[in-house]
Structures are given as C-alpha cells and as structure tokens.
C-alpha cells in the first residue's frame, strides 16, 4: 500500500505541475493533466476538466463521469478504506 500511495503522490505532483512549455496551449495543458488523471483515478469520463491545484488521498476509488468540471483547489479526502466517490454531471 505504501508503494501505491507514493505513486499517487508522484502523479499528483505531475498533475499539478504548472510549468508552461514554449509551445503550450490551453488544450495541450488540459490534455496532459487529463492523461495523468486517467492513470490516477478509478474512472475518468469524456469532456472532463480538472483545474490545478487538485489533491486526493488515493484516487483509485474516485470515479468521474462525462462532462464534469472541477474548479481550482479541489480536494477529495479519500482513504484506501473510504467507499467509492462518484462525480457526475446533472441535468
């Protein structure tokens, strides 16, 4: 479990990296973040945008549906024993 938690911390650091390459665009920065989020979260739907900084305890028990937007400084205080957390778009 320690190895998994350390890996989640590494992914969060990578996700929250706000460096701006010279050829960066809003779309390329978002695509990079969502690529990291897809590795970290239990499920990541389509058309999702999670702003930085973002923090979560474990990530693997967090499920994000299509069209979800998470604003800056979003914190999901999950633990490895926490029941699944679901985020979905409502109509």
N, C-alpha and C. Protein backbone atom coordinates (compact mmCIF):
# COMPACT_ATOMS: atom_id res chain seq x y z
N UNK A 1 0.81 -1.19 0.00
CA UNK A 1 0.00 0.00 0.00
C UNK A 1 0.86 1.26 0.00
N UNK A 2 2.00 1.22 0.67
CA UNK A 2 2.86 2.39 0.68
C UNK A 2 3.34 2.75 -0.71
N UNK A 3 3.66 1.74 -1.50
CA UNK A 3 4.12 1.99 -2.86
C UNK A 3 3.03 2.66 -3.68
N UNK A 4 1.80 2.19 -3.54
CA UNK A 4 0.68 2.79 -4.28
C UNK A 4 0.48 4.25 -3.87
N UNK A 5 0.54 4.51 -2.57
CA UNK A 5 0.35 5.87 -2.06
C UNK A 5 1.45 6.81 -2.57
N UNK A 6 2.69 6.33 -2.57
CA UNK A 6 3.81 7.13 -3.09
C UNK A 6 3.60 7.43 -4.57
N UNK A 7 3.15 6.43 -5.33
CA UNK A 7 2.89 6.64 -6.76
C UNK A 7 1.78 7.67 -6.97
N UNK A 8 0.74 7.63 -6.14
CA UNK A 8 -0.32 8.64 -6.23
C UNK A 8 0.25 10.03 -5.95
N UNK A 9 1.13 10.15 -4.98
CA UNK A 9 1.75 11.43 -4.67
C UNK A 9 2.58 11.94 -5.85
N UNK A 10 3.28 11.04 -6.51
CA UNK A 10 4.07 11.42 -7.71
C UNK A 10 3.14 11.91 -8.83
N UNK A 11 2.05 11.20 -9.02
CA UNK A 11 1.11 11.60 -10.07
C UNK A 11 0.47 12.95 -9.75
N UNK A 12 0.15 13.18 -8.49
CA UNK A 12 -0.40 14.48 -8.11
C UNK A 12 0.60 15.60 -8.37
N UNK A 13 1.85 15.35 -8.05
CA UNK A 13 2.89 16.37 -8.32
C UNK A 13 2.98 16.64 -9.81
N UNK A 14 2.93 15.59 -10.62
CA UNK A 14 2.97 15.75 -12.07
C UNK A 14 1.71 16.47 -12.56
N UNK A 15 0.55 16.10 -12.05
CA UNK A 15 -0.71 16.74 -12.44
C UNK A 15 -0.68 18.23 -12.12
N UNK A 16 -0.18 18.59 -10.96
CA UNK A 16 -0.19 19.98 -10.50
C UNK A 16 0.99 20.80 -10.99
N UNK A 17 1.82 20.22 -11.84
CA UNK A 17 2.96 20.95 -12.41
C UNK A 17 2.44 22.07 -13.30
N UNK A 18 2.72 23.30 -12.92
CA UNK A 18 2.22 24.45 -13.68
C UNK A 18 3.25 25.06 -14.62
N UNK A 19 4.30 24.31 -14.96
CA UNK A 19 5.28 24.84 -15.91
C UNK A 19 4.61 25.01 -17.27
N UNK A 20 5.04 26.01 -18.01
CA UNK A 20 4.45 26.32 -19.32
C UNK A 20 5.50 26.18 -20.41
N UNK A 21 5.50 25.07 -21.13
CA UNK A 21 6.42 24.94 -22.27
C UNK A 21 6.15 26.04 -23.29
N UNK A 22 7.16 26.38 -24.07
CA UNK A 22 7.03 27.46 -25.06
C UNK A 22 5.90 27.20 -26.05
N UNK A 23 5.66 25.95 -26.39
CA UNK A 23 4.64 25.63 -27.37
C UNK A 23 3.29 25.26 -26.73
N UNK A 24 3.12 25.61 -25.45
CA UNK A 24 1.91 25.23 -24.72
C UNK A 24 0.67 25.96 -25.23
N UNK A 25 -0.45 25.25 -25.15
CA UNK A 25 -1.76 25.84 -25.41
C UNK A 25 -2.67 25.38 -24.27
N UNK A 26 -3.81 26.02 -24.13
CA UNK A 26 -4.76 25.59 -23.10
C UNK A 26 -5.13 24.12 -23.32
N UNK A 27 -5.34 23.76 -24.58
CA UNK A 27 -5.73 22.38 -24.89
C UNK A 27 -4.62 21.39 -24.55
N UNK A 28 -3.36 21.74 -24.85
CA UNK A 28 -2.25 20.81 -24.58
C UNK A 28 -2.04 20.65 -23.07
N UNK A 29 -2.20 21.73 -22.31
CA UNK A 29 -2.05 21.64 -20.86
C UNK A 29 -3.16 20.78 -20.25
N UNK A 30 -4.39 20.98 -20.74
CA UNK A 30 -5.51 20.18 -20.25
C UNK A 30 -5.33 18.70 -20.62
N UNK A 31 -4.90 18.44 -21.84
CA UNK A 31 -4.69 17.05 -22.28
C UNK A 31 -3.63 16.36 -21.41
N UNK A 32 -2.55 17.07 -21.07
CA UNK A 32 -1.52 16.50 -20.22
C UNK A 32 -2.08 16.17 -18.83
N UNK A 33 -2.82 17.11 -18.25
CA UNK A 33 -3.41 16.88 -16.93
C UNK A 33 -4.38 15.70 -16.95
N UNK A 34 -5.24 15.63 -17.96
CA UNK A 34 -6.22 14.55 -18.00
C UNK A 34 -5.56 13.20 -18.24
N UNK A 35 -4.44 13.19 -18.94
CA UNK A 35 -3.69 11.94 -19.12
C UNK A 35 -3.18 11.42 -17.77
N UNK A 36 -2.68 12.32 -16.94
CA UNK A 36 -2.23 11.94 -15.61
C UNK A 36 -3.42 11.51 -14.75
N UNK A 37 -4.52 12.27 -14.81
CA UNK A 37 -5.71 11.94 -14.02
C UNK A 37 -6.25 10.56 -14.39
N UNK A 38 -6.19 10.22 -15.66
CA UNK A 38 -6.70 8.91 -16.10
C UNK A 38 -5.90 7.77 -15.47
N UNK A 39 -4.62 7.99 -15.22
CA UNK A 39 -3.77 6.98 -14.57
C UNK A 39 -4.05 6.91 -13.07
N UNK A 40 -4.52 8.01 -12.50
CA UNK A 40 -4.63 8.14 -11.06
C UNK A 40 -6.02 7.80 -10.52
N UNK A 41 -7.06 8.14 -11.26
CA UNK A 41 -8.43 7.97 -10.77
C UNK A 41 -9.01 6.63 -11.19
N UNK A 42 -10.05 6.19 -10.48
CA UNK A 42 -10.70 4.93 -10.80
C UNK A 42 -11.34 4.94 -12.18
N UNK A 43 -11.93 6.07 -12.57
CA UNK A 43 -12.52 6.26 -13.90
C UNK A 43 -12.52 7.75 -14.20
N UNK A 44 -12.27 8.08 -15.45
CA UNK A 44 -12.32 9.46 -15.91
C UNK A 44 -13.12 9.49 -17.20
N UNK A 45 -14.26 10.18 -17.18
CA UNK A 45 -15.13 10.25 -18.35
C UNK A 45 -14.59 11.17 -19.43
N UNK A 46 -15.40 11.40 -20.44
CA UNK A 46 -15.06 12.29 -21.55
C UNK A 46 -15.41 13.73 -21.18
N UNK A 47 -14.75 14.67 -21.81
CA UNK A 47 -15.01 16.11 -21.65
C UNK A 47 -14.89 16.55 -20.18
N UNK A 48 -13.91 16.00 -19.49
CA UNK A 48 -13.66 16.35 -18.09
C UNK A 48 -12.54 17.39 -18.03
N UNK A 49 -12.70 18.36 -17.15
CA UNK A 49 -11.62 19.31 -16.90
C UNK A 49 -11.45 19.47 -15.40
N UNK A 50 -10.24 19.23 -14.93
CA UNK A 50 -9.89 19.39 -13.53
C UNK A 50 -8.77 20.44 -13.47
N UNK A 51 -9.06 21.55 -12.83
CA UNK A 51 -8.08 22.63 -12.72
C UNK A 51 -7.07 22.32 -11.63
N UNK A 52 -5.92 22.96 -11.71
CA UNK A 52 -4.90 22.84 -10.67
C UNK A 52 -5.07 23.97 -9.67
N UNK A 53 -4.66 23.77 -8.43
CA UNK A 53 -4.18 22.52 -7.87
C UNK A 53 -5.33 21.58 -7.52
N UNK A 54 -5.06 20.31 -7.61
CA UNK A 54 -6.01 19.25 -7.31
C UNK A 54 -5.32 18.28 -6.34
N UNK A 55 -6.06 17.81 -5.35
CA UNK A 55 -5.49 16.89 -4.37
C UNK A 55 -6.48 15.77 -4.06
N UNK A 56 -5.96 14.57 -3.87
CA UNK A 56 -6.78 13.45 -3.43
C UNK A 56 -5.91 12.53 -2.60
N UNK A 57 -6.56 11.74 -1.76
CA UNK A 57 -5.81 10.82 -0.92
C UNK A 57 -5.26 9.64 -1.69
N UNK A 58 -6.15 8.91 -2.36
CA UNK A 58 -5.75 7.70 -3.07
C UNK A 58 -6.09 7.76 -4.55
N UNK A 59 -7.25 8.29 -4.89
CA UNK A 59 -7.63 8.43 -6.29
C UNK A 59 -8.29 7.21 -6.90
N UNK A 60 -7.86 6.03 -6.54
CA UNK A 60 -8.35 4.81 -7.19
C UNK A 60 -9.83 4.55 -6.89
N UNK A 61 -10.35 5.13 -5.83
CA UNK A 61 -11.76 4.93 -5.51
C UNK A 61 -12.60 6.16 -5.86
N UNK A 62 -12.07 6.98 -6.77
CA UNK A 62 -12.77 8.18 -7.23
C UNK A 62 -13.15 7.99 -8.69
N UNK A 63 -14.44 8.18 -9.00
CA UNK A 63 -14.95 7.95 -10.34
C UNK A 63 -15.58 9.24 -10.85
N UNK A 64 -15.11 9.72 -12.00
CA UNK A 64 -15.56 10.99 -12.56
C UNK A 64 -16.25 10.72 -13.89
N UNK A 65 -17.51 11.13 -14.01
CA UNK A 65 -18.29 10.89 -15.21
C UNK A 65 -18.04 11.92 -16.30
N UNK A 66 -18.77 11.81 -17.39
CA UNK A 66 -18.64 12.71 -18.55
C UNK A 66 -19.06 14.13 -18.21
N UNK A 67 -18.33 15.09 -18.79
CA UNK A 67 -18.71 16.49 -18.70
C UNK A 67 -18.52 17.15 -17.36
N UNK A 68 -17.72 16.57 -16.49
CA UNK A 68 -17.52 17.14 -15.15
C UNK A 68 -16.41 18.20 -15.19
N UNK A 69 -16.63 19.30 -14.46
CA UNK A 69 -15.64 20.35 -14.30
C UNK A 69 -15.35 20.52 -12.82
N UNK A 70 -14.08 20.44 -12.44
CA UNK A 70 -13.66 20.66 -11.05
C UNK A 70 -12.78 21.90 -11.03
N UNK A 71 -13.21 22.89 -10.28
CA UNK A 71 -12.51 24.15 -10.22
C UNK A 71 -11.22 24.02 -9.41
N UNK A 72 -10.48 25.10 -9.32
CA UNK A 72 -9.19 25.14 -8.63
C UNK A 72 -9.32 24.78 -7.15
N UNK A 73 -8.24 24.22 -6.63
CA UNK A 73 -8.12 23.86 -5.21
C UNK A 73 -9.14 22.81 -4.77
N UNK A 74 -9.44 21.87 -5.67
CA UNK A 74 -10.38 20.80 -5.35
C UNK A 74 -9.67 19.73 -4.53
N UNK A 75 -10.26 19.33 -3.43
CA UNK A 75 -9.67 18.32 -2.55
C UNK A 75 -10.67 17.19 -2.36
N UNK A 76 -10.22 15.96 -2.60
CA UNK A 76 -11.03 14.77 -2.34
C UNK A 76 -10.32 14.00 -1.23
N UNK A 77 -10.84 14.09 0.00
CA UNK A 77 -10.14 13.48 1.13
C UNK A 77 -10.42 11.99 1.28
N UNK A 78 -10.11 11.23 0.27
CA UNK A 78 -10.39 9.79 0.31
C UNK A 78 -9.28 9.04 1.03
N UNK A 79 -9.63 7.88 1.54
CA UNK A 79 -8.65 6.97 2.11
C UNK A 79 -8.79 5.64 1.40
N UNK A 80 -7.89 4.75 1.65
CA UNK A 80 -7.98 3.45 0.96
C UNK A 80 -9.19 2.65 1.43
N UNK A 81 -9.74 2.98 2.59
CA UNK A 81 -10.90 2.27 3.11
C UNK A 81 -12.20 3.03 2.87
N UNK A 82 -12.11 4.18 2.26
CA UNK A 82 -13.28 5.03 2.00
C UNK A 82 -14.14 4.39 0.92
N UNK A 83 -15.46 4.48 1.04
CA UNK A 83 -16.30 3.96 -0.05
C UNK A 83 -16.07 4.78 -1.32
N UNK A 84 -16.41 4.25 -2.47
CA UNK A 84 -16.20 4.98 -3.72
C UNK A 84 -16.87 6.35 -3.71
N UNK A 85 -16.22 7.28 -4.41
CA UNK A 85 -16.74 8.65 -4.54
C UNK A 85 -17.05 8.85 -6.03
N UNK A 86 -18.27 9.30 -6.32
CA UNK A 86 -18.70 9.48 -7.70
C UNK A 86 -18.99 10.96 -7.96
N UNK A 87 -18.50 11.46 -9.10
CA UNK A 87 -18.80 12.80 -9.57
C UNK A 87 -19.43 12.64 -10.95
N UNK A 88 -20.58 13.24 -11.13
CA UNK A 88 -21.22 13.15 -12.44
C UNK A 88 -21.94 14.45 -12.74
N UNK A 89 -22.17 14.67 -13.99
CA UNK A 89 -22.89 15.86 -14.43
C UNK A 89 -24.38 15.63 -14.19
N UNK A 90 -25.06 16.63 -13.69
CA UNK A 90 -26.51 16.54 -13.51
C UNK A 90 -27.20 17.45 -14.49
N UNK A 91 -28.43 17.12 -14.81
CA UNK A 91 -29.16 17.97 -15.77
C UNK A 91 -30.25 18.74 -15.08
